[in-house]
């Protein structure tokens, strides 16, 4: 069983919009639907669980019905943090699926992950036990504790940006969450699942992501997403794009 857990419990404070960012309409449909359709139409995904703000559960149910998200197996209320929201969805999945199911944890506001990356995540879990989607950094990364002075400059060739999905066997990621939740600090500074398992001393295995897999967080990201959609539509309309000619169509 391959399960996508889409967490979309944010309030959209950084976006400054009147509704949570995951429900903003881009090209005629909400961002969350753009994301869900990628998993709905992926042949290897069996079920989808969606975690949203409790006040938006009914609205999300209506959207799932309107856009025929037939793989949606449950819409779960989110928690205080993104990790709480993910945990709520994981517990629901645990109650309804085998413990050795593969779960792909994905942001509801990452609506441009490629099908290939989803496939690589599933295959990566089966090969190594987990899969963390990453892309190599093109810019120099600086480390600074104060935010004013540079403490260190890692070698750029050794730096990567973690994205989503981040994927695991259901029983393993639940055990990791339970271990962190039992500590005094809980989810403090736990920005993603990779951070959680690394805090427990576990090995995180990387899989290659796609450059267009942006997280729509700010108004600038909305413009970027619109541009990516236009690019994709142009390729579909004309049957060939620049990426075809250089052989990287699925890595945009």
Protein backbone atom coordinates (compact mmCIF):
# COMPACT_ATOMS: atom_id res chain seq x y z
CA UNK A 1 0.00 0.00 0.00
CA UNK A 2 1.37 3.40 -1.02
CA UNK A 3 -0.20 6.31 0.84
CA UNK A 4 0.17 10.05 0.29
CA UNK A 5 -0.30 12.19 3.38
CA UNK A 6 -0.91 15.79 2.34
CA UNK A 7 -0.59 18.27 5.18
CA UNK A 8 -2.28 21.59 4.59
CA UNK A 9 -3.08 22.91 8.04
CA UNK A 10 -1.36 26.29 7.70
CA UNK A 11 -3.15 29.59 8.18
CA UNK A 12 -1.24 31.43 5.45
CA UNK A 13 0.10 34.24 7.64
CA UNK A 14 3.14 34.88 5.43
CA UNK A 15 0.95 35.04 2.34
CA UNK A 16 -1.19 37.84 3.78
CA UNK A 17 -4.29 36.49 2.01
CA UNK A 18 -7.87 36.34 3.27
CA UNK A 19 -7.90 32.54 3.13
CA UNK A 20 -5.22 29.95 3.94
CA UNK A 21 -2.72 29.80 1.07
CA UNK A 22 -3.58 26.20 0.20
CA UNK A 23 -7.05 27.37 -0.84
CA UNK A 24 -5.96 30.27 -3.06
CA UNK A 25 -7.16 29.75 -6.61
CA UNK A 26 -4.49 29.64 -9.31
CA UNK A 27 -5.61 29.12 -12.92
CA UNK A 28 -9.14 28.39 -11.78
CA UNK A 29 -8.57 25.90 -8.99
CA UNK A 30 -7.15 25.93 -5.45
CA UNK A 31 -3.46 25.22 -4.91
CA UNK A 32 -4.34 22.19 -2.78
CA UNK A 33 -6.20 20.66 -5.73
CA UNK A 34 -3.23 21.17 -8.05
CA UNK A 35 -1.23 19.21 -5.48
CA UNK A 36 -3.77 16.48 -4.85
CA UNK A 37 -4.27 15.77 -8.54
CA UNK A 38 -0.60 14.82 -8.89
CA UNK A 39 -1.15 11.99 -6.41
CA UNK A 40 -4.67 11.17 -7.60
CA UNK A 41 -3.40 10.41 -11.10
CA UNK A 42 -0.15 8.69 -10.12
CA UNK A 43 -0.59 4.99 -10.81
CA UNK A 44 1.41 3.87 -7.75
CA UNK A 45 -0.55 5.86 -5.14
CA UNK A 46 -3.39 3.90 -3.53
CA UNK A 47 -4.76 6.30 -0.91
CA UNK A 48 -4.56 9.95 0.08
CA UNK A 49 -5.09 11.39 3.57
CA UNK A 50 -5.43 15.16 3.87
CA UNK A 51 -4.85 17.18 7.03
CA UNK A 52 -6.41 20.66 7.08
CA UNK A 53 -7.57 23.28 9.56
CA UNK A 54 -10.63 21.96 11.35
CA UNK A 55 -12.80 24.87 10.16
CA UNK A 56 -12.01 23.94 6.55
CA UNK A 57 -12.77 20.21 6.69
CA UNK A 58 -16.22 20.55 5.12
CA UNK A 59 -14.85 22.84 2.42
CA UNK A 60 -12.05 20.38 1.70
CA UNK A 61 -14.58 17.55 1.45
CA UNK A 62 -16.55 19.59 -1.10
CA UNK A 63 -13.41 20.32 -3.11
CA UNK A 64 -12.37 16.66 -3.11
CA UNK A 65 -15.79 15.70 -4.45
CA UNK A 66 -15.87 18.52 -7.04
CA UNK A 67 -12.46 17.65 -8.45
CA UNK A 68 -12.91 13.86 -8.22
CA UNK A 69 -10.11 13.14 -5.75
CA UNK A 70 -11.36 9.57 -5.47
CA UNK A 71 -8.28 8.28 -3.65
CA UNK A 72 -9.03 10.56 -0.68
CA UNK A 73 -9.44 8.15 2.23
CA UNK A 74 -9.84 10.72 4.99
CA UNK A 75 -9.74 14.42 5.78
CA UNK A 76 -8.27 14.94 9.23
CA UNK A 77 -8.14 18.03 11.46
CA UNK A 78 -4.68 19.57 11.70
CA UNK A 79 -2.81 20.28 14.90
CA UNK A 80 -0.90 23.17 16.46
CA UNK A 81 2.11 22.64 14.19
CA UNK A 82 2.76 21.03 10.81
CA UNK A 83 4.25 18.02 12.62
CA UNK A 84 1.12 17.68 14.80
CA UNK A 85 -0.98 17.76 11.63
CA UNK A 86 1.15 15.06 10.04
CA UNK A 87 0.97 12.95 13.20
CA UNK A 88 -2.84 13.15 13.22
CA UNK A 89 -2.93 11.88 9.64
CA UNK A 90 -0.38 9.15 10.37
CA UNK A 91 -2.48 7.87 13.27
CA UNK A 92 -5.54 7.73 11.03
CA UNK A 93 -3.53 5.86 8.40
CA UNK A 94 -2.24 3.46 11.06
CA UNK A 95 -5.79 2.54 12.04
CA UNK A 96 -6.78 1.68 8.48
CA UNK A 97 -3.69 0.29 6.73
CA UNK A 98 -0.86 -2.26 7.13
CA UNK A 99 2.11 -1.04 9.16
CA UNK A 100 4.48 -1.73 6.29
CA UNK A 101 2.64 0.69 3.99
CA UNK A 102 4.82 3.31 2.32
CA UNK A 103 3.77 6.84 3.27
CA UNK A 104 4.78 9.94 1.34
CA UNK A 105 4.58 13.11 3.44
CA UNK A 106 3.95 16.09 1.18
CA UNK A 107 3.14 19.78 1.60
CA UNK A 108 -0.27 20.77 0.31
CA UNK A 109 1.38 23.89 -1.11
CA UNK A 110 3.99 22.06 -3.20
CA UNK A 111 1.86 21.67 -6.32
CA UNK A 112 4.55 20.96 -8.90
CA UNK A 113 6.38 17.82 -7.77
CA UNK A 114 7.02 15.59 -10.77
CA UNK A 115 5.58 12.11 -11.23
CA UNK A 116 9.15 10.79 -11.46
CA UNK A 117 9.97 12.16 -8.01
CA UNK A 118 6.91 10.49 -6.51
CA UNK A 119 8.01 7.21 -8.08
CA UNK A 120 11.60 7.63 -6.84
CA UNK A 121 10.30 8.18 -3.30
CA UNK A 122 8.35 4.93 -3.30
CA UNK A 123 11.26 3.01 -4.78
CA UNK A 124 13.67 4.70 -2.37
CA UNK A 125 11.71 3.54 0.69
CA UNK A 126 11.63 -0.01 -0.61
CA UNK A 127 15.37 0.08 -1.22
CA UNK A 128 16.66 2.03 1.80
CA UNK A 129 13.82 2.37 4.30
CA UNK A 130 13.25 6.09 3.71
CA UNK A 131 13.55 8.70 0.98
CA UNK A 132 14.18 12.44 1.40
CA UNK A 133 13.59 14.51 -1.74
CA UNK A 134 16.50 16.91 -2.32
CA UNK A 135 17.99 19.19 -4.93
CA UNK A 136 21.58 20.40 -5.03
CA UNK A 137 22.10 24.06 -4.13
CA UNK A 138 23.15 26.44 -6.90
CA UNK A 139 23.81 29.34 -4.55
CA UNK A 140 26.37 29.57 -1.76
CA UNK A 141 24.91 28.64 1.64
CA UNK A 142 26.00 30.67 4.66
CA UNK A 143 25.70 29.54 8.28
CA UNK A 144 25.10 32.29 10.84
CA UNK A 145 23.81 32.04 14.39
CA UNK A 146 23.36 35.80 14.78
CA UNK A 147 21.98 36.56 11.34
CA UNK A 148 24.52 39.36 11.11
CA UNK A 149 27.90 37.65 10.79
CA UNK A 150 28.88 34.60 8.75
CA UNK A 151 30.01 31.72 10.96
CA UNK A 152 30.88 29.26 8.22
CA UNK A 153 30.54 28.62 4.50
CA UNK A 154 29.97 24.95 3.61
CA UNK A 155 31.28 23.65 0.31
CA UNK A 156 28.50 24.29 -2.18
CA UNK A 157 28.94 20.84 -3.75
CA UNK A 158 28.04 19.37 -0.34
CA UNK A 159 24.86 21.40 0.20
CA UNK A 160 21.35 20.34 -0.77
CA UNK A 161 17.84 21.71 -0.23
CA UNK A 162 15.37 19.28 1.32
CA UNK A 163 11.91 19.30 -0.26
CA UNK A 164 8.93 16.97 -0.21
CA UNK A 165 7.81 14.26 -0.42
CA UNK A 166 9.69 12.74 2.48
CA UNK A 167 8.80 9.08 2.59
CA UNK A 168 8.95 6.18 5.04
CA UNK A 169 7.37 2.95 6.11
CA UNK A 170 4.32 3.83 8.18
CA UNK A 171 5.48 2.02 11.32
CA UNK A 172 8.94 3.63 11.19
CA UNK A 173 7.86 7.25 10.89
CA UNK A 174 5.19 6.79 13.54
CA UNK A 175 7.79 5.34 15.92
CA UNK A 176 10.05 8.33 15.21
CA UNK A 177 7.21 10.78 15.90
CA UNK A 178 6.31 8.99 19.12
CA UNK A 179 9.93 9.14 20.27
CA UNK A 180 10.16 12.89 19.64
CA UNK A 181 6.75 13.58 21.17
CA UNK A 182 7.88 11.85 24.37
CA UNK A 183 10.79 14.28 24.89
CA UNK A 184 10.47 17.53 26.91
CA UNK A 185 11.04 19.68 23.81
CA UNK A 186 8.66 17.73 21.60
CA UNK A 187 8.56 19.15 18.08
CA UNK A 188 10.60 22.26 18.88
CA UNK A 189 12.97 22.93 15.95
CA UNK A 190 11.62 19.87 14.11
CA UNK A 191 10.97 21.47 10.75
CA UNK A 192 10.37 18.25 8.83
CA UNK A 193 10.51 14.46 8.99
CA UNK A 194 14.16 14.43 7.96
CA UNK A 195 15.01 16.55 11.00
CA UNK A 196 13.03 14.17 13.20
CA UNK A 197 14.81 11.01 12.14
CA UNK A 198 18.24 12.67 12.14
CA UNK A 199 17.60 13.89 15.71
CA UNK A 200 17.20 10.22 16.62
CA UNK A 201 20.47 9.28 14.96
CA UNK A 202 18.85 7.52 12.02
CA UNK A 203 20.26 7.61 8.49
CA UNK A 204 18.31 9.67 5.96
CA UNK A 205 18.61 8.57 2.34
CA UNK A 206 18.36 11.16 -0.44
CA UNK A 207 16.49 10.97 -3.75
CA UNK A 208 16.75 13.55 -6.51
CA UNK A 209 13.96 16.11 -6.68
CA UNK A 210 12.81 18.42 -9.46
CA UNK A 211 13.67 22.12 -9.59
CA UNK A 212 10.08 23.26 -10.09
CA UNK A 213 8.95 21.68 -6.82
CA UNK A 214 8.47 25.02 -5.09
CA UNK A 215 6.62 25.61 -1.84
CA UNK A 216 4.02 28.34 -2.31
CA UNK A 217 4.48 30.43 0.82
CA UNK A 218 4.76 34.08 -0.24
CA UNK A 219 3.08 36.23 -2.93
CA UNK A 220 6.27 35.93 -4.99
CA UNK A 221 5.87 32.15 -4.99
CA UNK A 222 2.39 32.53 -6.50
CA UNK A 223 3.87 34.36 -9.50
CA UNK A 224 6.49 31.63 -9.88
CA UNK A 225 3.86 28.90 -9.75
CA UNK A 226 1.78 30.67 -12.39
CA UNK A 227 4.85 30.89 -14.62
CA UNK A 228 5.54 27.17 -14.16
CA UNK A 229 1.95 26.33 -15.03
CA UNK A 230 2.18 28.48 -18.16
CA UNK A 231 5.40 26.74 -19.13
CA UNK A 232 3.78 23.33 -18.67
CA UNK A 233 0.69 24.37 -20.66
CA UNK A 234 2.86 25.64 -23.53
CA UNK A 235 4.70 22.32 -23.68
CA UNK A 236 1.41 20.42 -23.75
CA UNK A 237 -0.06 22.70 -26.41
CA UNK A 238 2.89 22.51 -28.79
CA UNK A 239 3.94 18.96 -27.99
CA UNK A 240 7.56 19.83 -27.41
CA UNK A 241 9.48 22.20 -25.21
CA UNK A 242 13.02 23.32 -24.62
CA UNK A 243 13.38 20.59 -22.03
CA UNK A 244 12.63 17.91 -24.62
CA UNK A 245 15.51 19.10 -26.74
CA UNK A 246 18.00 18.83 -23.89
CA UNK A 247 16.55 15.65 -22.46
CA UNK A 248 15.35 16.80 -19.03
CA UNK A 249 11.61 17.16 -19.50
CA UNK A 250 10.76 15.58 -16.13
CA UNK A 251 13.35 17.49 -14.11
CA UNK A 252 12.06 21.04 -14.48
